[in-house]
C-alpha atoms as a PDB file:
ATOM      1  CA  MET A   1      17.391  24.994  -6.193  1.00  0.00           C
ATOM      2  CA  THR A   2      13.908  24.014  -5.039  1.00  0.00           C
ATOM      3  CA  GLN A   3      12.769  23.851  -1.439  1.00  0.00           C
ATOM      4  CA  ALA A   4      12.365  20.366   0.050  1.00  0.00           C
ATOM      5  CA  GLU A   5       8.737  19.607   0.873  1.00  0.00           C
ATOM      6  CA  PRO A   6       8.106  17.085   3.680  1.00  0.00           C
ATOM      7  CA  LYS A   7       6.167  13.975   2.678  1.00  0.00           C
ATOM      8  CA  ASN A   8       4.848  11.499   5.215  1.00  0.00           C
ATOM      9  CA  VAL A   9       5.096   7.794   4.501  1.00  0.00           C
ATOM     10  CA  ALA A  10       3.604   4.968   6.553  1.00  0.00           C
ATOM     11  CA  TRP A  11       4.274   1.246   6.894  1.00  0.00           C
ATOM     12  CA  VAL A  12       1.442  -0.755   8.462  1.00  0.00           C
ATOM     13  CA  ARG A  13       1.284  -4.350   9.661  1.00  0.00           C
ATOM     14  CA  TRP A  14      -2.378  -5.238  10.091  1.00  0.00           C
ATOM     15  CA  PHE A  15      -4.836  -8.105  10.042  1.00  0.00           C
ATOM     16  CA  ASP A  16      -7.877  -8.670   7.888  1.00  0.00           C
ATOM     17  CA  ALA A  17     -10.644 -11.206   7.586  1.00  0.00           C
ATOM     18  CA  SER A  18      -9.995 -14.396   5.649  1.00  0.00           C
ATOM     19  CA  HIS A  19     -12.140 -16.161   3.080  1.00  0.00           C
ATOM     20  CA  GLN A  20     -11.706 -19.884   2.522  1.00  0.00           C
ATOM     21  CA  ARG A  21     -13.386 -21.553  -0.434  1.00  0.00           C
ATOM     22  CA  GLY A  22     -14.417 -25.154  -0.446  1.00  0.00           C
ATOM     23  CA  GLU A  23     -14.153 -27.689   2.312  1.00  0.00           C
ATOM     24  CA  CYS A  24     -11.762 -27.315   5.194  1.00  0.00           C
ATOM     25  CA  THR A  25     -11.202 -28.997   8.527  1.00  0.00           C
ATOM     26  CA  LEU A  26     -10.781 -27.190  11.832  1.00  0.00           C
ATOM     27  CA  ASP A  27      -7.019 -27.801  11.493  1.00  0.00           C
ATOM     28  CA  GLU A  28      -7.050 -25.826   8.225  1.00  0.00           C
ATOM     29  CA  PHE A  29      -9.070 -22.952   9.676  1.00  0.00           C
ATOM     30  CA  VAL A  30      -7.561 -19.515   8.924  1.00  0.00           C
ATOM     31  CA  PRO A  31      -9.895 -16.896  10.451  1.00  0.00           C
ATOM     32  CA  ARG A  32      -7.619 -13.926   9.707  1.00  0.00           C
ATOM     33  CA  VAL A  33      -4.509 -13.022   7.732  1.00  0.00           C
ATOM     34  CA  GLU A  34      -1.680 -10.626   8.540  1.00  0.00           C
ATOM     35  CA  LEU A  35      -0.795  -8.087   5.863  1.00  0.00           C
ATOM     36  CA  GLU A  36       1.816  -5.376   5.336  1.00  0.00           C
ATOM     37  CA  SER A  37       1.033  -2.166   3.467  1.00  0.00           C
ATOM     38  CA  ALA A  38       3.076   0.947   2.788  1.00  0.00           C
ATOM     39  CA  GLY A  39       2.493   4.238   1.037  1.00  0.00           C
ATOM     40  CA  LEU A  40       2.010   7.961   1.287  1.00  0.00           C
ATOM     41  CA  LEU A  41       0.202   8.875   4.486  1.00  0.00           C
ATOM     42  CA  VAL A  42      -2.966  10.641   3.325  1.00  0.00           C
ATOM     43  CA  HIS A  43      -4.949  10.788   6.553  1.00  0.00           C
ATOM     44  CA  GLU A  44      -4.911   9.389  10.076  1.00  0.00           C
ATOM     45  CA  ASP A  45      -7.366   9.722  12.931  1.00  0.00           C
ATOM     46  CA  GLU A  46      -8.441   7.594  15.899  1.00  0.00           C
ATOM     47  CA  GLU A  47     -10.515   5.274  13.659  1.00  0.00           C
ATOM     48  CA  SER A  48      -8.334   4.627  10.601  1.00  0.00           C
ATOM     49  CA  VAL A  49      -5.129   5.232   8.710  1.00  0.00           C
ATOM     50  CA  SER A  50      -5.269   5.967   4.966  1.00  0.00           C
ATOM     51  CA  ILE A  51      -2.304   5.435   2.662  1.00  0.00           C
ATOM     52  CA  ALA A  52      -1.996   6.032  -1.074  1.00  0.00           C
ATOM     53  CA  LEU A  53       0.114   4.446  -3.769  1.00  0.00           C
ATOM     54  CA  ASP A  54       0.390   7.593  -5.899  1.00  0.00           C
ATOM     55  CA  SER A  55       0.288  11.365  -5.503  1.00  0.00           C
ATOM     56  CA  TYR A  56      -0.146  13.801  -8.387  1.00  0.00           C
ATOM     57  CA  VAL A  57       2.037  16.750  -7.433  1.00  0.00           C
ATOM     58  CA  ASP A  58       0.462  19.381  -9.696  1.00  0.00           C
ATOM     59  CA  ASP A  59      -2.922  19.332  -7.949  1.00  0.00           C
ATOM     60  CA  ASP A  60      -2.110  17.449  -4.708  1.00  0.00           C
ATOM     61  CA  THR A  61      -4.468  14.524  -5.378  1.00  0.00           C
ATOM     62  CA  PHE A  62      -3.971  10.867  -4.478  1.00  0.00           C
ATOM     63  CA  ARG A  63      -4.751   7.565  -6.223  1.00  0.00           C
ATOM     64  CA  TYR A  64      -5.281   4.019  -4.982  1.00  0.00           C
ATOM     65  CA  ILE A  65      -6.024   4.880  -1.362  1.00  0.00           C
ATOM     66  CA  GLU A  66      -6.237   2.062   1.182  1.00  0.00           C
ATOM     67  CA  HIS A  67      -8.174   2.711   4.407  1.00  0.00           C
ATOM     68  CA  ILE A  68      -7.146   0.491   7.316  1.00  0.00           C
ATOM     69  CA  PRO A  69      -9.247   0.422  10.505  1.00  0.00           C
ATOM     70  CA  LYS A  70      -7.116   1.210  13.563  1.00  0.00           C
ATOM     71  CA  VAL A  71      -8.584  -1.768  15.449  1.00  0.00           C
ATOM     72  CA  ASN A  72      -6.889  -3.996  12.840  1.00  0.00           C
ATOM     73  CA  VAL A  73      -3.453  -2.348  13.126  1.00  0.00           C
ATOM     74  CA  ILE A  74      -0.754  -4.484  14.739  1.00  0.00           C
ATOM     75  CA  GLU A  75       2.117  -2.063  14.117  1.00  0.00           C
ATOM     76  CA  LEU A  76       2.343   1.356  12.454  1.00  0.00           C
ATOM     77  CA  ARG A  77       5.543   3.210  11.563  1.00  0.00           C
ATOM     78  CA  ARG A  78       5.574   6.738  10.180  1.00  0.00           C
ATOM     79  CA  PHE A  79       8.444   8.298   8.252  1.00  0.00           C
ATOM     80  CA  SER A  80       8.993  11.865   7.130  1.00  0.00           C
ATOM     81  CA  LEU A  81      10.885  12.391   3.874  1.00  0.00           C
ATOM     82  CA  ALA A  82      12.232  15.636   2.449  1.00  0.00           C
ATOM     83  CA  VAL A  83      11.325  15.581  -1.248  1.00  0.00           C
ATOM     84  CA  PRO A  84      12.372  18.413  -3.598  1.00  0.00           C
ATOM     85  CA  SER A  85       9.291  20.188  -4.968  1.00  0.00           C
END
């Protein structure tokens, strides 16, 4: 039996800038959008939270990392999972 290795996962609700093409009225104005992202928690500090879609277990590397500025975070939930290694 293998030992369970803890993995940290994060779910983030955050806002980002919006881009509107073409003409729009002030009633149609959308200056920001709310997004939800989730993934493996790669790094977190006072400025940002970084989550990855994939992790390659053999060499502990990550792919498809998203860096979210903390000033844009509306809600952040962290989960710890025990994953057999």
